[in-house]
């Protein structure tokens, strides 16, 4: 399960983040600030069944930073098409 404490080393830069279950991405998202966005998923898990399932099934996170938000949007789209994560 992903916890708020596990987000402390995430960057505060734009990019794409992955919630992983083993080696499989179960969700791929993009953000202007990766750390804040992942923390918002954790906060939303208390209110939403989908967010809870996502956060509780993920055992690790990965990320890729980009130069700007536009690059993050393009990269996210390409990665979702490639991996077809369960929660996207």
C-alpha atoms as a PDB file:
ATOM      1  CA  UNK A   1       0.000   0.000   0.000  1.00  0.00           C
ATOM      2  CA  UNK A   2       1.228   3.464  -0.862  1.00  0.00           C
ATOM      3  CA  UNK A   3       1.371   5.799   2.145  1.00  0.00           C
ATOM      4  CA  UNK A   4       1.932   9.517   2.586  1.00  0.00           C
ATOM      5  CA  UNK A   5       5.354   8.786   4.098  1.00  0.00           C
ATOM      6  CA  UNK A   6       6.398   7.039   0.876  1.00  0.00           C
ATOM      7  CA  UNK A   7       5.848  10.271  -1.072  1.00  0.00           C
ATOM      8  CA  UNK A   8       8.519  12.325   0.696  1.00  0.00           C
ATOM      9  CA  UNK A   9      11.175  11.588  -1.930  1.00  0.00           C
ATOM     10  CA  UNK A  10       8.960  12.287  -4.937  1.00  0.00           C
ATOM     11  CA  UNK A  11       9.910  15.359  -6.981  1.00  0.00           C
ATOM     12  CA  UNK A  12       7.920  18.575  -7.039  1.00  0.00           C
ATOM     13  CA  UNK A  13       8.349  18.775 -10.810  1.00  0.00           C
ATOM     14  CA  UNK A  14       6.123  18.022 -13.801  1.00  0.00           C
ATOM     15  CA  UNK A  15       6.052  14.485 -15.075  1.00  0.00           C
ATOM     16  CA  UNK A  16       4.369  11.123 -15.132  1.00  0.00           C
ATOM     17  CA  UNK A  17       3.899   8.800 -12.157  1.00  0.00           C
ATOM     18  CA  UNK A  18       3.094   5.102 -12.037  1.00  0.00           C
ATOM     19  CA  UNK A  19       1.311   3.143  -9.317  1.00  0.00           C
ATOM     20  CA  UNK A  20       2.780  -0.326  -9.616  1.00  0.00           C
ATOM     21  CA  UNK A  21       1.660  -3.756  -8.470  1.00  0.00           C
ATOM     22  CA  UNK A  22       4.819  -5.783  -8.811  1.00  0.00           C
ATOM     23  CA  UNK A  23       6.175  -4.988 -12.266  1.00  0.00           C
ATOM     24  CA  UNK A  24       2.760  -4.052 -13.660  1.00  0.00           C
ATOM     25  CA  UNK A  25       1.555  -0.443 -13.816  1.00  0.00           C
ATOM     26  CA  UNK A  26      -2.021  -0.292 -12.518  1.00  0.00           C
ATOM     27  CA  UNK A  27      -2.355   3.486 -12.956  1.00  0.00           C
ATOM     28  CA  UNK A  28      -0.415   6.089 -14.891  1.00  0.00           C
ATOM     29  CA  UNK A  29      -1.006   9.773 -14.250  1.00  0.00           C
ATOM     30  CA  UNK A  30       0.583  13.099 -15.074  1.00  0.00           C
ATOM     31  CA  UNK A  31       1.044  16.157 -12.953  1.00  0.00           C
ATOM     32  CA  UNK A  32       2.628  19.572 -12.745  1.00  0.00           C
ATOM     33  CA  UNK A  33       3.866  18.571  -9.259  1.00  0.00           C
ATOM     34  CA  UNK A  34       4.238  14.803  -8.881  1.00  0.00           C
ATOM     35  CA  UNK A  35       4.560  14.771  -5.067  1.00  0.00           C
ATOM     36  CA  UNK A  36       1.422  16.853  -4.472  1.00  0.00           C
ATOM     37  CA  UNK A  37      -0.641  14.859  -6.980  1.00  0.00           C
ATOM     38  CA  UNK A  38       0.290  11.481  -5.497  1.00  0.00           C
ATOM     39  CA  UNK A  39      -0.498  12.811  -2.023  1.00  0.00           C
ATOM     40  CA  UNK A  40      -3.919  13.884  -3.292  1.00  0.00           C
ATOM     41  CA  UNK A  41      -4.581  10.289  -4.435  1.00  0.00           C
ATOM     42  CA  UNK A  42      -3.780   9.082  -0.918  1.00  0.00           C
ATOM     43  CA  UNK A  43      -6.062  11.718   0.635  1.00  0.00           C
ATOM     44  CA  UNK A  44      -8.886  10.859  -1.790  1.00  0.00           C
ATOM     45  CA  UNK A  45      -8.592   7.173  -0.859  1.00  0.00           C
ATOM     46  CA  UNK A  46     -10.510   7.943   2.348  1.00  0.00           C
ATOM     47  CA  UNK A  47     -13.513   9.109   0.288  1.00  0.00           C
ATOM     48  CA  UNK A  48     -13.485   7.115  -2.937  1.00  0.00           C
ATOM     49  CA  UNK A  49     -13.612   3.350  -3.427  1.00  0.00           C
ATOM     50  CA  UNK A  50     -11.698   3.611  -6.705  1.00  0.00           C
ATOM     51  CA  UNK A  51      -8.928   5.690  -5.123  1.00  0.00           C
ATOM     52  CA  UNK A  52      -8.778   3.314  -2.152  1.00  0.00           C
ATOM     53  CA  UNK A  53      -8.448   0.308  -4.461  1.00  0.00           C
ATOM     54  CA  UNK A  54      -5.751   2.059  -6.444  1.00  0.00           C
ATOM     55  CA  UNK A  55      -3.696   3.093  -3.422  1.00  0.00           C
ATOM     56  CA  UNK A  56      -4.131  -0.201  -1.569  1.00  0.00           C
ATOM     57  CA  UNK A  57      -3.255  -2.406  -4.560  1.00  0.00           C
ATOM     58  CA  UNK A  58      -0.128  -0.443  -5.456  1.00  0.00           C
ATOM     59  CA  UNK A  59       3.013  -1.636  -3.706  1.00  0.00           C
ATOM     60  CA  UNK A  60       5.487   0.774  -5.313  1.00  0.00           C
ATOM     61  CA  UNK A  61       5.581   4.011  -7.268  1.00  0.00           C
ATOM     62  CA  UNK A  62       7.757   5.091 -10.143  1.00  0.00           C
ATOM     63  CA  UNK A  63       8.004   8.403 -11.895  1.00  0.00           C
ATOM     64  CA  UNK A  64       9.538  10.147 -14.873  1.00  0.00           C
ATOM     65  CA  UNK A  65      10.073  13.899 -14.778  1.00  0.00           C
ATOM     66  CA  UNK A  66       9.571  16.055 -17.863  1.00  0.00           C
ATOM     67  CA  UNK A  67      10.586  19.576 -18.805  1.00  0.00           C
ATOM     68  CA  UNK A  68       7.018  20.875 -18.787  1.00  0.00           C
ATOM     69  CA  UNK A  69       3.355  19.945 -18.472  1.00  0.00           C
ATOM     70  CA  UNK A  70       2.846  19.509 -22.220  1.00  0.00           C
ATOM     71  CA  UNK A  71       5.604  16.880 -22.376  1.00  0.00           C
ATOM     72  CA  UNK A  72       3.974  15.119 -19.399  1.00  0.00           C
ATOM     73  CA  UNK A  73       0.608  15.012 -21.200  1.00  0.00           C
ATOM     74  CA  UNK A  74       2.158  13.488 -24.316  1.00  0.00           C
ATOM     75  CA  UNK A  75       4.212  10.960 -22.340  1.00  0.00           C
ATOM     76  CA  UNK A  76       1.224   9.933 -20.207  1.00  0.00           C
ATOM     77  CA  UNK A  77      -0.863   9.273 -23.306  1.00  0.00           C
ATOM     78  CA  UNK A  78       1.874   7.165 -24.902  1.00  0.00           C
ATOM     79  CA  UNK A  79       2.411   5.124 -21.731  1.00  0.00           C
ATOM     80  CA  UNK A  80      -1.300   4.491 -21.180  1.00  0.00           C
ATOM     81  CA  UNK A  81      -1.624   3.237 -24.754  1.00  0.00           C
ATOM     82  CA  UNK A  82       1.411   0.990 -24.286  1.00  0.00           C
ATOM     83  CA  UNK A  83       0.580  -0.527 -20.872  1.00  0.00           C
ATOM     84  CA  UNK A  84      -3.238  -0.205 -20.678  1.00  0.00           C
ATOM     85  CA  UNK A  85      -3.323   0.050 -16.860  1.00  0.00           C
ATOM     86  CA  UNK A  86      -6.317  -1.334 -14.978  1.00  0.00           C
ATOM     87  CA  UNK A  87      -7.385   1.992 -13.456  1.00  0.00           C
ATOM     88  CA  UNK A  88      -6.892   4.320 -16.446  1.00  0.00           C
END
